[in-house]
Amino acid sequence: MAQQVVEITEAAAERIKELLEKRGQPSLGVRLGTSTRGCSGLAYTVDYVDEPQPGDEMVEDKGVRLYVDGQSLLYLLGTRMDFVEDQFQTGFTFTNPNAKSLCGCGESFSV
């Protein structure tokens, strides 16, 4: 069996479902991508998907659809997307085997 582009944990899938329900308008899923920002160069982006973009790679897992931005695909291959909620942080977290360095605050990475 081929490895998925991005692994979605149960916690991340449940959070995505909650966000889609709360949005109040139909969405196909969420898009994971990268943007140039932060002290290490690249930061993760998560947005709603109303219409897939050319080059998007769709991952359907645990009842959700995650669209991986085609321009970010090489940076995100093998990434594990999780959702953490504790007394110190709440949000999506990413374990990316392609990241060569992370900034001190964890907001950005470089490849």
Protein backbone atom coordinates (compact mmCIF):
# COMPACT_ATOMS: atom_id res chain seq x y z
CA MET A 1 0.00 0.00 0.00
CA ALA A 2 1.38 3.40 -0.98
CA GLN A 3 2.05 5.98 1.71
CA GLN A 4 -0.33 8.95 1.79
CA VAL A 5 1.02 12.39 0.98
CA VAL A 6 0.00 13.62 4.46
CA GLU A 7 -1.10 11.57 7.49
CA ILE A 8 -4.11 12.92 9.40
CA THR A 9 -4.53 11.85 13.02
CA GLU A 10 -7.94 11.14 14.57
CA ALA A 11 -7.70 14.38 16.59
CA ALA A 12 -6.95 16.44 13.46
CA ALA A 13 -9.80 14.79 11.55
CA GLU A 14 -12.25 15.52 14.37
CA ARG A 15 -11.14 19.16 14.53
CA ILE A 16 -11.48 19.54 10.76
CA LYS A 17 -15.03 18.14 10.97
CA GLU A 18 -15.86 20.62 13.75
CA LEU A 19 -14.48 23.56 11.78
CA LEU A 20 -16.40 22.58 8.65
CA GLU A 21 -19.63 22.26 10.64
CA LYS A 22 -19.14 25.64 12.37
CA ARG A 23 -18.37 27.42 9.11
CA GLY A 24 -22.04 27.45 8.15
CA GLN A 25 -21.54 27.05 4.42
CA PRO A 26 -20.63 24.03 2.33
CA SER A 27 -16.92 23.25 1.98
CA LEU A 28 -15.19 20.34 0.31
CA GLY A 29 -12.55 20.20 3.04
CA VAL A 30 -9.42 22.10 4.02
CA ARG A 31 -6.22 22.92 2.13
CA LEU A 32 -2.79 22.49 3.65
CA GLY A 33 -0.05 24.56 2.14
CA THR A 34 2.95 26.71 2.92
CA SER A 35 3.67 30.39 2.68
CA THR A 36 6.91 32.34 2.89
CA ARG A 37 7.03 33.89 6.36
CA GLY A 38 8.53 33.47 9.79
CA CYS A 39 12.14 33.43 10.81
CA SER A 40 12.89 30.03 9.21
CA GLY A 41 11.34 30.75 5.82
CA LEU A 42 8.17 28.66 5.44
CA ALA A 43 5.01 28.46 7.55
CA TYR A 44 2.04 26.12 7.33
CA THR A 45 -1.31 27.43 6.09
CA VAL A 46 -4.72 25.81 6.56
CA ASP A 47 -7.72 27.21 4.67
CA TYR A 48 -11.21 26.13 3.68
CA VAL A 49 -11.66 24.61 0.21
CA ASP A 50 -14.74 25.62 -1.75
CA GLU A 51 -13.24 24.54 -5.06
CA PRO A 52 -10.08 22.50 -5.66
CA GLN A 53 -7.20 24.29 -7.34
CA PRO A 54 -5.24 22.84 -10.27
CA GLY A 55 -2.37 20.78 -8.88
CA ASP A 56 -4.00 20.06 -5.51
CA GLU A 57 -3.45 16.55 -4.17
CA MET A 58 -6.49 15.26 -2.29
CA VAL A 59 -6.11 13.03 0.77
CA GLU A 60 -9.34 11.46 1.99
CA ASP A 61 -8.95 9.87 5.40
CA LYS A 62 -10.97 9.42 8.60
CA GLY A 63 -14.04 11.05 7.04
CA VAL A 64 -12.36 14.29 5.92
CA ARG A 65 -10.80 15.65 2.76
CA LEU A 66 -7.48 17.42 2.94
CA TYR A 67 -6.22 19.14 -0.19
CA VAL A 68 -2.46 19.61 -0.31
CA ASP A 69 -1.40 22.67 -2.30
CA GLY A 70 0.47 21.50 -5.39
CA GLN A 71 3.21 24.12 -5.00
CA SER A 72 3.83 22.99 -1.41
CA LEU A 73 3.63 19.26 -2.08
CA LEU A 74 7.38 18.57 -2.04
CA TYR A 75 7.75 20.39 1.29
CA LEU A 76 4.89 18.44 2.87
CA LEU A 77 5.38 14.83 1.69
CA GLY A 78 5.20 12.49 4.66
CA THR A 79 3.97 15.17 7.08
CA ARG A 80 1.80 14.12 10.01
CA MET A 81 -1.00 16.58 10.85
CA ASP A 82 -2.31 16.45 14.41
CA PHE A 83 -4.48 18.64 16.63
CA VAL A 84 -3.41 19.42 20.19
CA GLU A 85 -5.49 21.07 22.89
CA ASP A 86 -3.94 21.43 26.33
CA GLN A 87 -3.20 24.18 28.84
CA PHE A 88 -0.22 25.46 26.83
CA GLN A 89 -1.43 25.33 23.22
CA THR A 90 -4.42 24.72 21.00
CA GLY A 91 -4.04 24.14 17.30
CA PHE A 92 -2.84 21.99 14.49
CA THR A 93 0.68 20.63 14.81
CA PHE A 94 2.85 19.20 12.07
CA THR A 95 5.60 16.60 12.15
CA ASN A 96 7.43 17.11 8.88
CA PRO A 97 10.30 14.79 7.90
CA ASN A 98 11.43 17.34 5.28
CA ALA A 99 12.05 20.16 7.76
CA LYS A 100 15.76 20.75 8.25
CA SER A 101 15.30 23.41 10.92
CA LEU A 102 12.51 24.98 12.96
CA CYS A 103 12.28 28.44 14.43
CA GLY A 104 12.26 28.77 18.21
CA CYS A 105 8.54 29.54 18.43
CA GLY A 106 7.61 26.63 16.13
CA GLU A 107 5.77 28.83 13.63
CA SER A 108 8.07 28.27 10.66
CA PHE A 109 10.51 25.77 9.17
CA SER A 110 13.09 25.46 6.42
CA VAL A 111 13.83 22.62 4.03
